[in-house]
Amino acid sequence: MSEQMNAQHILVNQEHEAQDLVKKLEEGKTFEELAADFSNCPSGKDGGNLGNFGKGMMVPPFEEAVLALGIGEVSGPIKTQFGYHLIKRNK
């Protein structure tokens, strides 16, 4: 059985938007609140929750970022072909 990961993300089009969201997190906004307000992904309505996924199910830069995070940590902006993500690892 491959290792299951669980993460939330916020997807935006531009790196500066992702940087603005990092500042908002530092100011005390919750990840879920920012996902609902700013994410371009339909998961934003659910706080950015992507649920459980295994290796190979996400694009490589996204998966590598998740694997580099500790539980509860949030990444800086990660670029994929979809845009820029902030990623929070839950499992």
PDB file of N, CA and C in Angstrom:
ATOM      1  N   MET A   1       0.863  -1.197   0.000  1.00  0.00           N
ATOM      2  CA  MET A   1       0.000   0.000   0.000  1.00  0.00           C
ATOM      3  C   MET A   1       0.893   1.238   0.000  1.00  0.00           C
ATOM      4  N   SER A   2       0.711   2.106  -0.959  1.00  0.00           N
ATOM      5  CA  SER A   2       1.543   3.305  -1.009  1.00  0.00           C
ATOM      6  C   SER A   2       1.093   4.279   0.075  1.00  0.00           C
ATOM      7  N   GLU A   3       2.022   5.119   0.460  1.00  0.00           N
ATOM      8  CA  GLU A   3       1.750   6.107   1.497  1.00  0.00           C
ATOM      9  C   GLU A   3       0.658   7.052   1.019  1.00  0.00           C
ATOM     10  N   GLN A   4      -0.354   7.246   1.839  1.00  0.00           N
ATOM     11  CA  GLN A   4      -1.409   8.208   1.516  1.00  0.00           C
ATOM     12  C   GLN A   4      -1.039   9.563   2.101  1.00  0.00           C
ATOM     13  N   MET A   5      -1.244  10.590   1.319  1.00  0.00           N
ATOM     14  CA  MET A   5      -1.025  11.963   1.767  1.00  0.00           C
ATOM     15  C   MET A   5      -2.384  12.645   1.793  1.00  0.00           C
ATOM     16  N   ASN A   6      -2.462  13.729   2.515  1.00  0.00           N
ATOM     17  CA  ASN A   6      -3.677  14.528   2.550  1.00  0.00           C
ATOM     18  C   ASN A   6      -3.232  15.977   2.622  1.00  0.00           C
ATOM     19  N   ALA A   7      -3.796  16.794   1.754  1.00  0.00           N
ATOM     20  CA  ALA A   7      -3.372  18.198   1.720  1.00  0.00           C
ATOM     21  C   ALA A   7      -4.536  19.097   1.316  1.00  0.00           C
ATOM     22  N   GLN A   8      -4.349  20.367   1.619  1.00  0.00           N
ATOM     23  CA  GLN A   8      -5.237  21.420   1.149  1.00  0.00           C
ATOM     24  C   GLN A   8      -4.380  22.320   0.268  1.00  0.00           C
ATOM     25  N   HIS A   9      -5.018  23.030  -0.641  1.00  0.00           N
ATOM     26  CA  HIS A   9      -4.252  23.998  -1.422  1.00  0.00           C
ATOM     27  C   HIS A   9      -5.101  25.190  -1.797  1.00  0.00           C
ATOM     28  N   ILE A  10      -4.407  26.254  -2.147  1.00  0.00           N
ATOM     29  CA  ILE A  10      -5.015  27.458  -2.703  1.00  0.00           C
ATOM     30  C   ILE A  10      -4.334  27.660  -4.046  1.00  0.00           C
ATOM     31  N   LEU A  11      -5.103  27.765  -5.098  1.00  0.00           N
ATOM     32  CA  LEU A  11      -4.572  27.920  -6.447  1.00  0.00           C
ATOM     33  C   LEU A  11      -4.899  29.315  -6.973  1.00  0.00           C
ATOM     34  N   VAL A  12      -3.848  30.030  -7.374  1.00  0.00           N
ATOM     35  CA  VAL A  12      -4.017  31.361  -7.980  1.00  0.00           C
ATOM     36  C   VAL A  12      -3.205  31.421  -9.273  1.00  0.00           C
ATOM     37  N   ASN A  13      -3.435  32.457 -10.068  1.00  0.00           N
ATOM     38  CA  ASN A  13      -2.790  32.555 -11.377  1.00  0.00           C
ATOM     39  C   ASN A  13      -1.381  33.126 -11.332  1.00  0.00           C
ATOM     40  N   GLN A  14      -1.134  34.035 -10.405  1.00  0.00           N
ATOM     41  CA  GLN A  14       0.127  34.786 -10.399  1.00  0.00           C
ATOM     42  C   GLN A  14       0.894  34.562  -9.102  1.00  0.00           C
ATOM     43  N   GLU A  15       2.218  34.582  -9.198  1.00  0.00           N
ATOM     44  CA  GLU A  15       3.043  34.393  -8.001  1.00  0.00           C
ATOM     45  C   GLU A  15       2.798  35.493  -6.972  1.00  0.00           C
ATOM     46  N   HIS A  16       2.604  36.735  -7.426  1.00  0.00           N
ATOM     47  CA  HIS A  16       2.384  37.826  -6.466  1.00  0.00           C
ATOM     48  C   HIS A  16       1.097  37.608  -5.676  1.00  0.00           C
ATOM     49  N   GLU A  17       0.093  36.982  -6.281  1.00  0.00           N
ATOM     50  CA  GLU A  17      -1.133  36.673  -5.541  1.00  0.00           C
ATOM     51  C   GLU A  17      -0.836  35.669  -4.424  1.00  0.00           C
ATOM     52  N   ALA A  18      -0.028  34.662  -4.753  1.00  0.00           N
ATOM     53  CA  ALA A  18       0.342  33.665  -3.747  1.00  0.00           C
ATOM     54  C   ALA A  18       1.139  34.324  -2.624  1.00  0.00           C
ATOM     55  N   GLN A  19       2.041  35.244  -2.969  1.00  0.00           N
ATOM     56  CA  GLN A  19       2.823  35.945  -1.946  1.00  0.00           C
ATOM     57  C   GLN A  19       1.922  36.779  -1.043  1.00  0.00           C
ATOM     58  N   ASP A  20       0.904  37.412  -1.622  1.00  0.00           N
ATOM     59  CA  ASP A  20      -0.062  38.179  -0.820  1.00  0.00           C
ATOM     60  C   ASP A  20      -0.790  37.257   0.167  1.00  0.00           C
ATOM     61  N   LEU A  21      -1.107  36.047  -0.278  1.00  0.00           N
ATOM     62  CA  LEU A  21      -1.798  35.105   0.599  1.00  0.00           C
ATOM     63  C   LEU A  21      -0.889  34.630   1.731  1.00  0.00           C
ATOM     64  N   VAL A  22       0.402  34.487   1.458  1.00  0.00           N
ATOM     65  CA  VAL A  22       1.357  34.142   2.520  1.00  0.00           C
ATOM     66  C   VAL A  22       1.314  35.226   3.598  1.00  0.00           C
ATOM     67  N   LYS A  23       1.287  36.489   3.171  1.00  0.00           N
ATOM     68  CA  LYS A  23       1.223  37.603   4.133  1.00  0.00           C
ATOM     69  C   LYS A  23      -0.068  37.530   4.949  1.00  0.00           C
ATOM     70  N   LYS A  24      -1.179  37.237   4.280  1.00  0.00           N
ATOM     71  CA  LYS A  24      -2.461  37.137   4.993  1.00  0.00           C
ATOM     72  C   LYS A  24      -2.433  36.006   6.028  1.00  0.00           C
ATOM     73  N   LEU A  25      -1.799  34.878   5.688  1.00  0.00           N
ATOM     74  CA  LEU A  25      -1.648  33.784   6.659  1.00  0.00           C
ATOM     75  C   LEU A  25      -0.834  34.259   7.861  1.00  0.00           C
ATOM     76  N   GLU A  26       0.244  35.001   7.593  1.00  0.00           N
ATOM     77  CA  GLU A  26       1.090  35.514   8.678  1.00  0.00           C
ATOM     78  C   GLU A  26       0.334  36.505   9.548  1.00  0.00           C
ATOM     79  N   GLU A  27      -0.663  37.179   8.966  1.00  0.00           N
ATOM     80  CA  GLU A  27      -1.473  38.143   9.716  1.00  0.00           C
ATOM     81  C   GLU A  27      -2.590  37.454  10.503  1.00  0.00           C
ATOM     82  N   GLY A  28      -2.722  36.131  10.354  1.00  0.00           N
ATOM     83  CA  GLY A  28      -3.680  35.409  11.176  1.00  0.00           C
ATOM     84  C   GLY A  28      -4.914  34.879  10.467  1.00  0.00           C
ATOM     85  N   LYS A  29      -5.030  35.124   9.157  1.00  0.00           N
ATOM     86  CA  LYS A  29      -6.153  34.528   8.426  1.00  0.00           C
ATOM     87  C   LYS A  29      -5.962  33.010   8.382  1.00  0.00           C
ATOM     88  N   THR A  30      -7.061  32.273   8.339  1.00  0.00           N
ATOM     89  CA  THR A  30      -6.935  30.820   8.270  1.00  0.00           C
ATOM     90  C   THR A  30      -6.773  30.380   6.818  1.00  0.00           C
ATOM     91  N   PHE A  31      -6.106  29.254   6.653  1.00  0.00           N
ATOM     92  CA  PHE A  31      -5.909  28.682   5.320  1.00  0.00           C
ATOM     93  C   PHE A  31      -7.264  28.442   4.660  1.00  0.00           C
ATOM     94  N   GLU A  32      -8.212  27.898   5.430  1.00  0.00           N
ATOM     95  CA  GLU A  32      -9.537  27.563   4.897  1.00  0.00           C
ATOM     96  C   GLU A  32     -10.274  28.803   4.402  1.00  0.00           C
ATOM     97  N   GLU A  33     -10.172  29.884   5.180  1.00  0.00           N
ATOM     98  CA  GLU A  33     -10.816  31.146   4.824  1.00  0.00           C
ATOM     99  C   GLU A  33     -10.235  31.686   3.508  1.00  0.00           C
ATOM    100  N   LEU A  34      -8.913  31.663   3.393  1.00  0.00           N
ATOM    101  CA  LEU A  34      -8.260  32.160   2.183  1.00  0.00           C
ATOM    102  C   LEU A  34      -8.571  31.286   0.978  1.00  0.00           C
ATOM    103  N   ALA A  35      -8.629  29.970   1.184  1.00  0.00           N
ATOM    104  CA  ALA A  35      -8.981  29.071   0.080  1.00  0.00           C
ATOM    105  C   ALA A  35     -10.381  29.391  -0.436  1.00  0.00           C
ATOM    106  N   ALA A  36     -11.318  29.575   0.479  1.00  0.00           N
ATOM    107  CA  ALA A  36     -12.703  29.861   0.083  1.00  0.00           C
ATOM    108  C   ALA A  36     -12.799  31.182  -0.671  1.00  0.00           C
ATOM    109  N   ASP A  37     -11.998  32.168  -0.263  1.00  0.00           N
ATOM    110  CA  ASP A  37     -12.098  33.499  -0.847  1.00  0.00           C
ATOM    111  C   ASP A  37     -11.292  33.677  -2.135  1.00  0.00           C
ATOM    112  N   PHE A  38     -10.161  32.966  -2.275  1.00  0.00           N
ATOM    113  CA  PHE A  38      -9.233  33.290  -3.356  1.00  0.00           C
ATOM    114  C   PHE A  38      -8.891  32.146  -4.312  1.00  0.00           C
ATOM    115  N   SER A  39      -9.124  30.889  -3.930  1.00  0.00           N
ATOM    116  CA  SER A  39      -8.650  29.780  -4.764  1.00  0.00           C
ATOM    117  C   SER A  39      -9.432  29.667  -6.064  1.00  0.00           C
ATOM    118  N   ASN A  40      -8.707  29.403  -7.159  1.00  0.00           N
ATOM    119  CA  ASN A  40      -9.337  29.156  -8.460  1.00  0.00           C
ATOM    120  C   ASN A  40      -9.803  27.711  -8.604  1.00  0.00           C
ATOM    121  N   CYS A  41      -9.474  26.868  -7.638  1.00  0.00           N
ATOM    122  CA  CYS A  41      -9.841  25.460  -7.694  1.00  0.00           C
ATOM    123  C   CYS A  41     -11.204  25.260  -7.029  1.00  0.00           C
ATOM    124  N   PRO A  42     -12.043  24.379  -7.577  1.00  0.00           N
ATOM    125  CA  PRO A  42     -13.336  24.100  -6.936  1.00  0.00           C
ATOM    126  C   PRO A  42     -13.197  23.637  -5.476  1.00  0.00           C
ATOM    127  N   SER A  43     -12.033  23.083  -5.117  1.00  0.00           N
ATOM    128  CA  SER A  43     -11.833  22.648  -3.730  1.00  0.00           C
ATOM    129  C   SER A  43     -11.832  23.822  -2.756  1.00  0.00           C
ATOM    130  N   GLY A  44     -11.683  25.045  -3.257  1.00  0.00           N
ATOM    131  CA  GLY A  44     -11.687  26.218  -2.385  1.00  0.00           C
ATOM    132  C   GLY A  44     -12.928  26.299  -1.523  1.00  0.00           C
ATOM    133  N   LYS A  45     -14.055  25.880  -2.073  1.00  0.00           N
ATOM    134  CA  LYS A  45     -15.311  25.898  -1.312  1.00  0.00           C
ATOM    135  C   LYS A  45     -15.235  24.994  -0.080  1.00  0.00           C
ATOM    136  N   ASP A  46     -14.352  24.015  -0.141  1.00  0.00           N
ATOM    137  CA  ASP A  46     -14.166  23.065   0.960  1.00  0.00           C
ATOM    138  C   ASP A  46     -12.857  23.357   1.706  1.00  0.00           C
ATOM    139  N   GLY A  47     -12.459  24.634   1.752  1.00  0.00           N
ATOM    140  CA  GLY A  47     -11.240  25.012   2.447  1.00  0.00           C
ATOM    141  C   GLY A  47      -9.979  24.569   1.722  1.00  0.00           C
ATOM    142  N   GLY A  48     -10.115  24.227   0.446  1.00  0.00           N
ATOM    143  CA  GLY A  48      -8.964  23.785  -0.339  1.00  0.00           C
ATOM    144  C   GLY A  48      -8.628  22.324  -0.153  1.00  0.00           C
ATOM    145  N   ASN A  49      -9.486  21.588   0.545  1.00  0.00           N
ATOM    146  CA  ASN A  49      -9.189  20.190   0.882  1.00  0.00           C
ATOM    147  C   ASN A  49      -9.208  19.308  -0.356  1.00  0.00           C
ATOM    148  N   LEU A  50      -8.096  18.606  -0.576  1.00  0.00           N
ATOM    149  CA  LEU A  50      -7.984  17.682  -1.706  1.00  0.00           C
ATOM    150  C   LEU A  50      -8.203  16.230  -1.290  1.00  0.00           C
ATOM    151  N   GLY A  51      -8.368  15.988   0.005  1.00  0.00           N
ATOM    152  CA  GLY A  51      -8.577  14.625   0.480  1.00  0.00           C
ATOM    153  C   GLY A  51      -7.292  13.817   0.416  1.00  0.00           C
ATOM    154  N   ASN A  52      -7.438  12.499   0.475  1.00  0.00           N
ATOM    155  CA  ASN A  52      -6.283  11.599   0.444  1.00  0.00           C
ATOM    156  C   ASN A  52      -5.869  11.307  -0.992  1.00  0.00           C
ATOM    157  N   PHE A  53      -4.572  11.195  -1.200  1.00  0.00           N
ATOM    158  CA  PHE A  53      -4.048  10.821  -2.504  1.00  0.00           C
ATOM    159  C   PHE A  53      -2.714  10.116  -2.307  1.00  0.00           C
ATOM    160  N   GLY A  54      -2.381   9.266  -3.267  1.00  0.00           N
ATOM    161  CA  GLY A  54      -1.133   8.526  -3.205  1.00  0.00           C
ATOM    162  C   GLY A  54      -0.102   9.093  -4.152  1.00  0.00           C
ATOM    163  N   LYS A  55       1.092   8.521  -4.099  1.00  0.00           N
ATOM    164  CA  LYS A  55       2.169   8.951  -4.991  1.00  0.00           C
ATOM    165  C   LYS A  55       1.731   8.781  -6.442  1.00  0.00           C
ATOM    166  N   GLY A  56       2.094   9.766  -7.256  1.00  0.00           N
ATOM    167  CA  GLY A  56       1.787   9.717  -8.677  1.00  0.00           C
ATOM    168  C   GLY A  56       0.426  10.262  -9.051  1.00  0.00           C
ATOM    169  N   MET A  57      -0.377  10.655  -8.065  1.00  0.00           N
ATOM    170  CA  MET A  57      -1.720  11.157  -8.373  1.00  0.00           C
ATOM    171  C   MET A  57      -1.750  12.662  -8.630  1.00  0.00           C
ATOM    172  N   MET A  58      -0.713  13.363  -8.192  1.00  0.00           N
ATOM    173  CA  MET A  58      -0.623  14.812  -8.396  1.00  0.00           C
ATOM    174  C   MET A  58       0.568  15.091  -9.315  1.00  0.00           C
ATOM    175  N   VAL A  59       0.579  16.280  -9.929  1.00  0.00           N
ATOM    176  CA  VAL A  59       1.707  16.622 -10.792  1.00  0.00           C
ATOM    177  C   VAL A  59       2.988  16.658  -9.941  1.00  0.00           C
ATOM    178  N   PRO A  60       4.138  16.299 -10.529  1.00  0.00           N
ATOM    179  CA  PRO A  60       5.370  16.160  -9.736  1.00  0.00           C
ATOM    180  C   PRO A  60       5.740  17.348  -8.852  1.00  0.00           C
ATOM    181  N   PRO A  61       5.683  18.611  -9.326  1.00  0.00           N
ATOM    182  CA  PRO A  61       6.094  19.696  -8.421  1.00  0.00           C
ATOM    183  C   PRO A  61       5.196  19.788  -7.179  1.00  0.00           C
ATOM    184  N   PHE A  62       3.907  19.497  -7.372  1.00  0.00           N
ATOM    185  CA  PHE A  62       2.955  19.538  -6.260  1.00  0.00           C
ATOM    186  C   PHE A  62       3.275  18.418  -5.273  1.00  0.00           C
ATOM    187  N   GLU A  63       3.434  17.211  -5.789  1.00  0.00           N
ATOM    188  CA  GLU A  63       3.731  16.059  -4.924  1.00  0.00           C
ATOM    189  C   GLU A  63       5.040  16.256  -4.165  1.00  0.00           C
ATOM    190  N   GLU A  64       6.069  16.741  -4.852  1.00  0.00           N
ATOM    191  CA  GLU A  64       7.361  16.971  -4.200  1.00  0.00           C
ATOM    192  C   GLU A  64       7.224  17.982  -3.065  1.00  0.00           C
ATOM    193  N   ALA A  65       6.423  19.021  -3.288  1.00  0.00           N
ATOM    194  CA  ALA A  65       6.217  20.032  -2.247  1.00  0.00           C
ATOM    195  C   ALA A  65       5.509  19.433  -1.041  1.00  0.00           C
ATOM    196  N   VAL A  66       4.480  18.612  -1.289  1.00  0.00           N
ATOM    197  CA  VAL A  66       3.757  17.968  -0.186  1.00  0.00           C
ATOM    198  C   VAL A  66       4.710  17.091   0.618  1.00  0.00           C
ATOM    199  N   LEU A  67       5.511  16.303  -0.081  1.00  0.00           N
ATOM    200  CA  LEU A  67       6.432  15.392   0.610  1.00  0.00           C
ATOM    201  C   LEU A  67       7.487  16.147   1.416  1.00  0.00           C
ATOM    202  N   ALA A  68       7.826  17.358   1.012  1.00  0.00           N
ATOM    203  CA  ALA A  68       8.840  18.147   1.721  1.00  0.00           C
ATOM    204  C   ALA A  68       8.280  18.831   2.966  1.00  0.00           C
ATOM    205  N   LEU A  69       6.959  18.905   3.061  1.00  0.00           N
ATOM    206  CA  LEU A  69       6.323  19.585   4.191  1.00  0.00           C
ATOM    207  C   LEU A  69       6.134  18.639   5.368  1.00  0.00           C
ATOM    208  N   GLY A  70       6.238  19.182   6.558  1.00  0.00           N
ATOM    209  CA  GLY A  70       5.815  18.448   7.742  1.00  0.00           C
ATOM    210  C   GLY A  70       4.314  18.589   7.897  1.00  0.00           C
ATOM    211  N   ILE A  71       3.721  17.735   8.715  1.00  0.00           N
ATOM    212  CA  ILE A  71       2.278  17.809   8.961  1.00  0.00           C
ATOM    213  C   ILE A  71       1.943  19.184   9.555  1.00  0.00           C
ATOM    214  N   GLY A  72       0.949  19.848   8.960  1.00  0.00           N
ATOM    215  CA  GLY A  72       0.526  21.157   9.439  1.00  0.00           C
ATOM    216  C   GLY A  72       1.300  22.324   8.856  1.00  0.00           C
ATOM    217  N   GLU A  73       2.355  22.050   8.096  1.00  0.00           N
ATOM    218  CA  GLU A  73       3.139  23.128   7.486  1.00  0.00           C
ATOM    219  C   GLU A  73       2.491  23.607   6.193  1.00  0.00           C
ATOM    220  N   VAL A  74       2.778  24.858   5.850  1.00  0.00           N
ATOM    221  CA  VAL A  74       2.279  25.459   4.615  1.00  0.00           C
ATOM    222  C   VAL A  74       3.475  25.838   3.751  1.00  0.00           C
ATOM    223  N   SER A  75       3.397  25.503   2.480  1.00  0.00           N
ATOM    224  CA  SER A  75       4.485  25.815   1.538  1.00  0.00           C
ATOM    225  C   SER A  75       4.455  27.279   1.144  1.00  0.00           C
ATOM    226  N   GLY A  76       5.548  27.722   0.563  1.00  0.00           N
ATOM    227  CA  GLY A  76       5.537  28.967  -0.187  1.00  0.00           C
ATOM    228  C   GLY A  76       4.923  28.680  -1.545  1.00  0.00           C
ATOM    229  N   PRO A  77       4.894  29.652  -2.440  1.00  0.00           N
ATOM    230  CA  PRO A  77       4.301  29.429  -3.762  1.00  0.00           C
ATOM    231  C   PRO A  77       5.006  28.304  -4.531  1.00  0.00           C
ATOM    232  N   ILE A  78       4.223  27.373  -5.052  1.00  0.00           N
ATOM    233  CA  ILE A  78       4.707  26.257  -5.861  1.00  0.00           C
ATOM    234  C   ILE A  78       4.093  26.402  -7.253  1.00  0.00           C
ATOM    235  N   LYS A  79       4.937  26.475  -8.276  1.00  0.00           N
ATOM    236  CA  LYS A  79       4.430  26.655  -9.644  1.00  0.00           C
ATOM    237  C   LYS A  79       4.200  25.302 -10.307  1.00  0.00           C
ATOM    238  N   THR A  80       3.022  25.140 -10.889  1.00  0.00           N
ATOM    239  CA  THR A  80       2.717  23.990 -11.744  1.00  0.00           C
ATOM    240  C   THR A  80       2.085  24.544 -13.025  1.00  0.00           C
ATOM    241  N   GLN A  81       1.713  23.639 -13.916  1.00  0.00           N
ATOM    242  CA  GLN A  81       1.068  24.109 -15.147  1.00  0.00           C
ATOM    243  C   GLN A  81      -0.307  24.716 -14.877  1.00  0.00           C
ATOM    244  N   PHE A  82      -0.840  24.545 -13.678  1.00  0.00           N
ATOM    245  CA  PHE A  82      -2.162  25.082 -13.339  1.00  0.00           C
ATOM    246  C   PHE A  82      -2.090  26.489 -12.769  1.00  0.00           C
ATOM    247  N   GLY A  83      -0.913  26.892 -12.294  1.00  0.00           N
ATOM    248  CA  GLY A  83      -0.752  28.204 -11.666  1.00  0.00           C
ATOM    249  C   GLY A  83       0.154  28.068 -10.455  1.00  0.00           C
ATOM    250  N   TYR A  84      -0.112  28.887  -9.441  1.00  0.00           N
ATOM    251  CA  TYR A  84       0.697  28.887  -8.216  1.00  0.00           C
ATOM    252  C   TYR A  84      -0.147  28.374  -7.054  1.00  0.00           C
ATOM    253  N   HIS A  85       0.425  27.454  -6.316  1.00  0.00           N
ATOM    254  CA  HIS A  85      -0.270  26.836  -5.188  1.00  0.00           C
ATOM    255  C   HIS A  85       0.397  27.209  -3.878  1.00  0.00           C
ATOM    256  N   LEU A  86      -0.406  27.401  -2.861  1.00  0.00           N
ATOM    257  CA  LEU A  86       0.055  27.298  -1.480  1.00  0.00           C
ATOM    258  C   LEU A  86      -0.511  25.987  -0.999  1.00  0.00           C
ATOM    259  N   ILE A  87       0.314  25.196  -0.365  1.00  0.00           N
ATOM    260  CA  ILE A  87      -0.091  23.841   0.009  1.00  0.00           C
ATOM    261  C   ILE A  87       0.067  23.660   1.516  1.00  0.00           C
ATOM    262  N   LYS A  88      -0.944  23.102   2.132  1.00  0.00           N
ATOM    263  CA  LYS A  88      -0.891  22.757   3.559  1.00  0.00           C
ATOM    264  C   LYS A  88      -1.018  21.250   3.672  1.00  0.00           C
ATOM    265  N   ARG A  89      -0.018  20.619   4.289  1.00  0.00           N
ATOM    266  CA  ARG A  89      -0.049  19.156   4.432  1.00  0.00           C
ATOM    267  C   ARG A  89      -0.773  18.777   5.716  1.00  0.00           C
ATOM    268  N   ASN A  90      -1.716  17.859   5.594  1.00  0.00           N
ATOM    269  CA  ASN A  90      -2.496  17.393   6.737  1.00  0.00           C
ATOM    270  C   ASN A  90      -2.102  15.982   7.174  1.00  0.00           C
ATOM    271  N   LYS A  91      -1.545  15.195   6.245  1.00  0.00           N
ATOM    272  CA  LYS A  91      -1.205  13.794   6.558  1.00  0.00           C
ATOM    273  C   LYS A  91      -0.081  13.331   5.649  1.00  0.00           C
TER     274      LYS A  91
END
